[in-house]
Protein backbone atom coordinates (compact mmCIF):
# COMPACT_ATOMS: atom_id res chain seq x y z
CA MET A 1 41.19 -52.25 -26.09
CA ALA A 2 43.27 -49.29 -27.23
CA ILE A 3 44.35 -46.87 -24.52
CA PRO A 4 42.87 -43.41 -25.19
CA LEU A 5 45.02 -40.32 -25.60
CA GLU A 6 45.91 -38.78 -22.28
CA ASP A 7 44.98 -35.22 -23.27
CA ASN A 8 42.28 -33.67 -25.45
CA PHE A 9 42.67 -30.29 -27.18
CA THR A 10 41.35 -28.36 -24.18
CA ASP A 11 44.00 -29.97 -21.95
CA ILE A 12 46.68 -28.99 -24.47
CA VAL A 13 45.50 -25.38 -24.71
CA GLY A 14 45.31 -25.16 -20.90
CA LYS A 15 48.81 -26.58 -20.43
CA ALA A 16 50.34 -24.21 -22.91
CA GLN A 17 48.46 -21.21 -21.49
CA ARG A 18 49.45 -21.97 -17.90
CA GLY A 19 52.98 -22.83 -18.87
CA LEU A 20 53.47 -19.54 -20.69
CA GLY A 21 51.66 -17.59 -17.96
CA ILE A 22 49.15 -16.08 -20.37
CA SER A 23 45.71 -15.07 -19.04
CA ASP A 24 42.53 -15.23 -21.10
CA SER A 25 42.55 -11.43 -21.49
CA GLN A 26 46.21 -11.45 -22.59
CA LEU A 27 45.52 -14.30 -25.01
CA ALA A 28 42.62 -12.38 -26.46
CA GLU A 29 44.71 -9.25 -26.88
CA LYS A 30 47.56 -11.08 -28.59
CA SER A 31 45.43 -13.38 -30.77
CA GLY A 32 42.55 -11.12 -31.79
CA ALA A 33 39.99 -13.68 -30.55
CA SER A 34 37.43 -12.52 -28.02
CA VAL A 35 37.73 -13.57 -24.36
CA GLU A 36 34.35 -15.28 -24.68
CA ALA A 37 35.50 -17.26 -27.71
CA ILE A 38 38.62 -18.37 -25.83
CA ARG A 39 36.58 -19.47 -22.86
CA GLN A 40 34.27 -21.48 -25.09
CA LEU A 41 37.29 -23.09 -26.71
CA ARG A 42 38.66 -24.08 -23.33
CA GLU A 43 35.23 -25.48 -22.40
CA GLY A 44 35.43 -27.90 -25.32
CA LYS A 45 33.58 -26.05 -28.03
CA PHE A 46 36.09 -26.39 -30.83
CA ASP A 47 36.09 -23.59 -33.41
CA ARG A 48 38.82 -23.92 -36.04
CA ALA A 49 39.06 -20.15 -36.66
CA VAL A 50 39.48 -19.38 -32.94
CA SER A 51 41.90 -22.25 -32.52
CA ASP A 52 43.98 -21.02 -35.44
CA GLN A 53 44.13 -17.57 -33.83
CA VAL A 54 45.31 -18.69 -30.40
CA ALA A 55 47.66 -21.54 -31.43
CA PRO A 56 50.58 -19.32 -32.54
CA VAL A 57 50.39 -17.22 -29.40
CA LEU A 58 50.55 -20.44 -27.33
CA GLN A 59 53.44 -21.73 -29.49
CA LEU A 60 51.31 -24.63 -30.69
CA ASP A 61 50.96 -26.08 -34.19
CA ALA A 62 47.50 -25.13 -35.36
CA GLY A 63 47.07 -28.02 -37.79
CA ALA A 64 48.11 -30.63 -35.26
CA LEU A 65 45.83 -29.12 -32.62
CA ALA A 66 42.87 -29.16 -35.04
CA ASP A 67 43.51 -32.79 -36.01
CA LEU A 68 43.46 -33.82 -32.32
CA ALA A 69 40.31 -31.83 -31.67
CA ARG A 70 38.54 -33.53 -34.54
CA GLY A 71 39.82 -36.99 -33.67
CA LYS A 72 41.77 -37.30 -36.92
CA TRP A 73 44.96 -38.69 -35.38
CA ARG A 74 46.12 -41.20 -32.85
CA PRO A 75 49.33 -43.29 -33.02
CA ASN A 76 49.30 -46.72 -34.55
CA GLU A 77 49.31 -49.74 -32.23
CA ILE A 78 52.93 -50.74 -31.47
CA GLU A 79 54.33 -54.15 -30.74
CA VAL A 80 58.02 -54.78 -30.01
CA PRO A 81 59.29 -58.23 -28.83
CA GLY A 82 60.68 -57.70 -25.36
CA LEU A 83 58.46 -54.72 -24.47
CA LEU A 84 55.13 -54.75 -22.70
CA GLN A 85 52.97 -51.90 -21.34
CA PHE A 86 50.80 -52.30 -18.23
CA ASN A 87 47.98 -49.83 -17.68
CA THR A 88 46.45 -49.66 -14.17
CA ALA A 89 43.88 -47.48 -12.38
CA TYR A 90 45.07 -44.93 -9.82
CA HIS A 91 42.04 -43.24 -8.34
CA ASP A 92 40.37 -41.45 -11.29
CA ILE A 93 43.27 -41.78 -13.72
CA THR A 94 45.23 -44.57 -15.30
CA VAL A 95 48.99 -44.89 -15.27
CA ASN A 96 51.51 -46.98 -17.22
CA ALA A 97 54.37 -49.21 -16.13
CA TYR A 98 56.63 -51.05 -18.55
CA LEU A 99 58.44 -54.40 -18.69
CA VAL A 100 61.45 -54.74 -20.93
CA TRP A 101 63.57 -57.86 -21.28
CA ASP A 102 66.41 -59.41 -23.20
CA PRO A 103 64.85 -62.33 -25.12
CA ALA A 104 68.08 -64.27 -24.98
CA SER A 105 68.97 -64.02 -21.27
CA ARG A 106 65.36 -63.58 -20.04
CA GLU A 107 66.64 -60.83 -17.76
CA ALA A 108 64.15 -57.98 -17.30
CA VAL A 109 63.89 -54.41 -16.14
CA VAL A 110 60.70 -52.73 -14.88
CA PHE A 111 60.03 -48.99 -15.37
CA ASP A 112 57.74 -47.58 -12.68
CA SER A 113 55.34 -49.67 -10.67
CA GLY A 114 52.03 -48.22 -11.69
CA ALA A 115 49.10 -48.55 -9.33
CA ASP A 116 49.15 -52.34 -9.22
CA CYS A 117 52.03 -54.54 -10.32
CA SER A 118 50.10 -57.84 -10.12
CA ALA A 119 49.69 -58.40 -13.86
CA LEU A 120 53.29 -57.48 -14.49
CA LEU A 121 54.59 -60.00 -11.91
CA GLU A 122 52.28 -62.66 -13.29
CA ARG A 123 53.52 -62.11 -16.79
CA CYS A 124 57.14 -62.42 -15.61
CA ALA A 125 56.40 -65.67 -13.83
CA ASP A 126 54.53 -67.09 -16.85
CA ALA A 127 57.32 -66.10 -19.28
CA GLY A 128 60.21 -67.23 -17.07
CA LEU A 129 61.63 -63.69 -16.75
CA THR A 130 63.88 -62.54 -13.93
CA ILE A 131 63.54 -58.90 -12.90
CA LYS A 132 66.98 -57.49 -12.31
CA LEU A 133 66.35 -53.74 -12.22
CA LEU A 134 63.66 -51.28 -11.23
CA LEU A 135 64.03 -47.89 -12.85
CA LEU A 136 61.79 -44.96 -12.02
CA THR A 137 60.97 -42.12 -14.38
CA HIS A 138 59.95 -39.90 -11.48
CA ALA A 139 58.48 -40.16 -8.01
CA HIS A 140 54.92 -38.85 -8.43
CA PRO A 141 52.55 -41.03 -6.38
CA ASP A 142 50.74 -42.67 -9.30
CA HIS A 143 54.04 -43.98 -10.72
CA VAL A 144 55.35 -45.45 -7.49
CA ALA A 145 52.08 -46.54 -5.86
CA ASP A 146 53.02 -50.26 -5.80
CA LEU A 147 56.79 -49.81 -5.53
CA ARG A 148 57.17 -51.39 -2.04
CA ARG A 149 55.49 -54.57 -3.21
CA LEU A 150 57.46 -54.66 -6.45
CA THR A 151 60.69 -54.29 -4.56
CA ARG A 152 59.73 -56.91 -1.97
CA GLU A 153 58.62 -59.43 -4.61
CA THR A 154 61.66 -59.04 -6.86
CA GLY A 155 64.51 -58.04 -4.56
CA ALA A 156 65.81 -55.89 -7.45
CA PRO A 157 67.60 -52.61 -6.85
CA VAL A 158 65.66 -49.40 -7.48
CA PHE A 159 67.11 -46.33 -9.18
CA LEU A 160 65.72 -42.82 -9.44
CA SER A 161 67.11 -39.39 -10.30
CA SER A 162 69.11 -37.93 -7.44
CA ARG A 163 66.80 -34.92 -7.59
CA GLU A 164 63.86 -36.96 -6.23
CA GLN A 165 63.22 -39.56 -3.51
CA ALA A 166 61.27 -42.78 -3.29
CA PRO A 167 61.44 -45.63 -0.75
CA GLY A 168 64.61 -47.66 -1.14
CA ALA A 169 65.71 -45.87 -4.34
CA GLU A 170 69.37 -45.31 -5.12
CA PRO A 171 70.36 -42.17 -7.05
CA ILE A 172 71.07 -42.28 -10.80
CA GLU A 173 72.59 -39.43 -12.77
CA GLU A 174 72.19 -38.28 -16.32
CA GLY A 175 74.53 -40.13 -18.69
CA LYS A 176 74.59 -43.32 -16.60
CA THR A 177 74.55 -46.41 -18.77
CA LEU A 178 73.25 -49.76 -17.57
CA HIS A 179 73.52 -53.14 -19.23
CA LEU A 180 71.15 -56.06 -18.94
CA GLY A 181 71.93 -58.99 -21.20
CA ARG A 182 72.11 -57.50 -24.66
CA LEU A 183 70.23 -54.38 -23.63
CA ARG A 184 71.88 -51.01 -23.15
CA ILE A 185 69.97 -48.43 -21.08
CA GLU A 186 71.01 -44.77 -21.04
CA ALA A 187 69.60 -42.29 -18.54
CA ARG A 188 68.68 -38.82 -19.85
CA LEU A 189 67.44 -36.09 -17.47
CA THR A 190 64.22 -34.65 -18.94
CA TRP A 191 63.01 -32.63 -16.00
CA GLY A 192 60.38 -29.89 -16.01
CA HIS A 193 57.25 -31.85 -15.18
CA SER A 194 59.00 -33.09 -12.06
CA PRO A 195 62.37 -32.05 -10.52
CA GLY A 196 64.20 -35.14 -11.73
CA GLY A 197 62.16 -36.64 -14.57
CA MET A 198 64.29 -39.29 -16.25
CA THR A 199 64.01 -40.80 -19.74
CA TYR A 200 65.62 -44.16 -20.30
CA VAL A 201 66.80 -44.87 -23.87
CA ILE A 202 67.05 -48.56 -24.63
CA SER A 203 68.98 -50.25 -27.47
CA GLY A 204 69.19 -53.97 -28.13
CA LEU A 205 65.58 -54.73 -29.11
CA ALA A 206 64.16 -54.79 -32.62
CA ARG A 207 63.56 -51.06 -32.44
CA PRO A 208 65.05 -48.33 -30.23
CA VAL A 209 62.80 -47.58 -27.24
CA ALA A 210 62.61 -44.64 -24.84
CA ILE A 211 60.69 -44.80 -21.55
CA VAL A 212 59.77 -41.15 -21.18
CA GLY A 213 57.49 -41.08 -18.13
CA ASP A 214 55.44 -37.86 -18.03
CA SER A 215 57.88 -35.83 -20.04
CA LEU A 216 55.89 -36.47 -23.23
CA PHE A 217 52.58 -38.06 -24.13
CA ALA A 218 51.16 -39.12 -27.48
CA GLY A 219 49.99 -35.82 -28.90
CA SER A 220 50.84 -33.84 -25.78
CA MET A 221 53.26 -33.52 -22.86
CA GLY A 222 53.27 -33.51 -19.07
CA GLY A 223 52.43 -30.21 -17.43
CA GLY A 224 55.43 -28.03 -16.66
CA ASN A 225 54.89 -28.20 -12.91
CA VAL A 226 58.47 -27.29 -12.13
CA SER A 227 59.48 -25.50 -15.32
CA TYR A 228 57.45 -25.41 -18.50
CA GLU A 229 60.32 -23.89 -20.49
CA ASP A 230 62.73 -26.67 -19.46
CA ALA A 231 60.10 -29.33 -19.99
CA VAL A 232 59.66 -28.26 -23.61
CA ARG A 233 63.38 -27.79 -24.17
CA ASN A 234 64.27 -31.22 -22.76
CA ASN A 235 61.66 -32.92 -24.89
CA LEU A 236 63.02 -31.22 -27.99
CA GLU A 237 66.69 -31.76 -27.25
CA LYS A 238 66.77 -35.18 -25.53
CA ILE A 239 63.76 -37.12 -26.82
CA LEU A 240 62.70 -35.78 -30.22
CA THR A 241 66.34 -35.93 -31.51
CA LEU A 242 66.24 -39.71 -31.28
CA PRO A 243 65.64 -41.64 -34.52
CA ASP A 244 62.13 -41.33 -35.92
CA GLU A 245 61.46 -45.04 -35.45
CA THR A 246 62.14 -44.85 -31.76
CA VAL A 247 59.19 -46.12 -29.68
CA LEU A 248 58.14 -43.67 -27.00
CA CYS A 249 56.61 -45.16 -23.85
CA PRO A 250 54.83 -42.46 -21.82
CA GLY A 251 53.57 -42.56 -18.27
CA HIS A 252 49.98 -42.12 -19.46
CA GLY A 253 48.16 -42.88 -22.70
CA PRO A 254 49.31 -45.03 -25.65
CA MET A 255 52.79 -45.64 -26.94
CA THR A 256 53.88 -43.57 -29.90
CA THR A 257 57.08 -42.82 -31.89
CA VAL A 258 59.41 -39.92 -32.37
CA GLY A 259 58.36 -39.56 -35.99
CA GLU A 260 54.67 -39.43 -35.12
CA GLU A 261 55.20 -36.80 -32.44
CA LYS A 262 57.28 -34.59 -34.72
CA LYS A 263 54.38 -34.54 -37.11
CA HIS A 264 51.31 -34.60 -34.88
CA ASN A 265 52.17 -33.23 -31.40
CA PRO A 266 50.90 -29.60 -31.20
CA PHE A 267 53.73 -28.68 -28.78
CA PHE A 268 56.45 -29.83 -31.18
CA GLY A 269 55.03 -30.29 -34.66
CA ARG A 270 56.16 -26.97 -35.92
């Protein structure tokens, strides 16, 4: 079954409004929409005219926002040999972990643990893969919930941005390049959602792949908990400058591509 989009249009409006520090009354004054119309929009009552009024003030693409609100877009299903997504339940949300491997050497790297790494470990055993590295996008609890078990079962070293901490993790800095068989993995600091959010850009598979954590979602982005401005800037400069065919693997929701996000993500499709 296809994984649903992480955010709906009300989530997107809310993230942009909070990130920019714009109140309902300020948004009404700047957009020309009434406060009541804005509140109804945020409650899920989509009105294209109101949406078109507020989108420019929130620095969102009005067309992309409308398409998401009306269910007219979601990314195509993506399959890349040597890449698997695992989606597990963490309380009332779901979270992704990823398994990437070199088909020739059968050496593998895991990105985040998710809430339960059981299926991931079983797949490795069935496929004869050896996990050599554990790379964390960030240390929010849902992404590292099963890290101790994953570390114990694999014995693999764990790396995380030096700006954050997780049990047993060694620091990794932006620009660090790791090699695993024929795979090349480059660390890019894409902070803003968390202090040390890291994106890992992988070459050596049939298509370029970027494990982006909560920096960017299909049709949305992670909330700018630390810095909304830097979260947006890092996505634009360090993720969306990758080739359009690059597969993006977010911490929540379905996989997508750079090309799709440049066209359909309201935060960036402008």
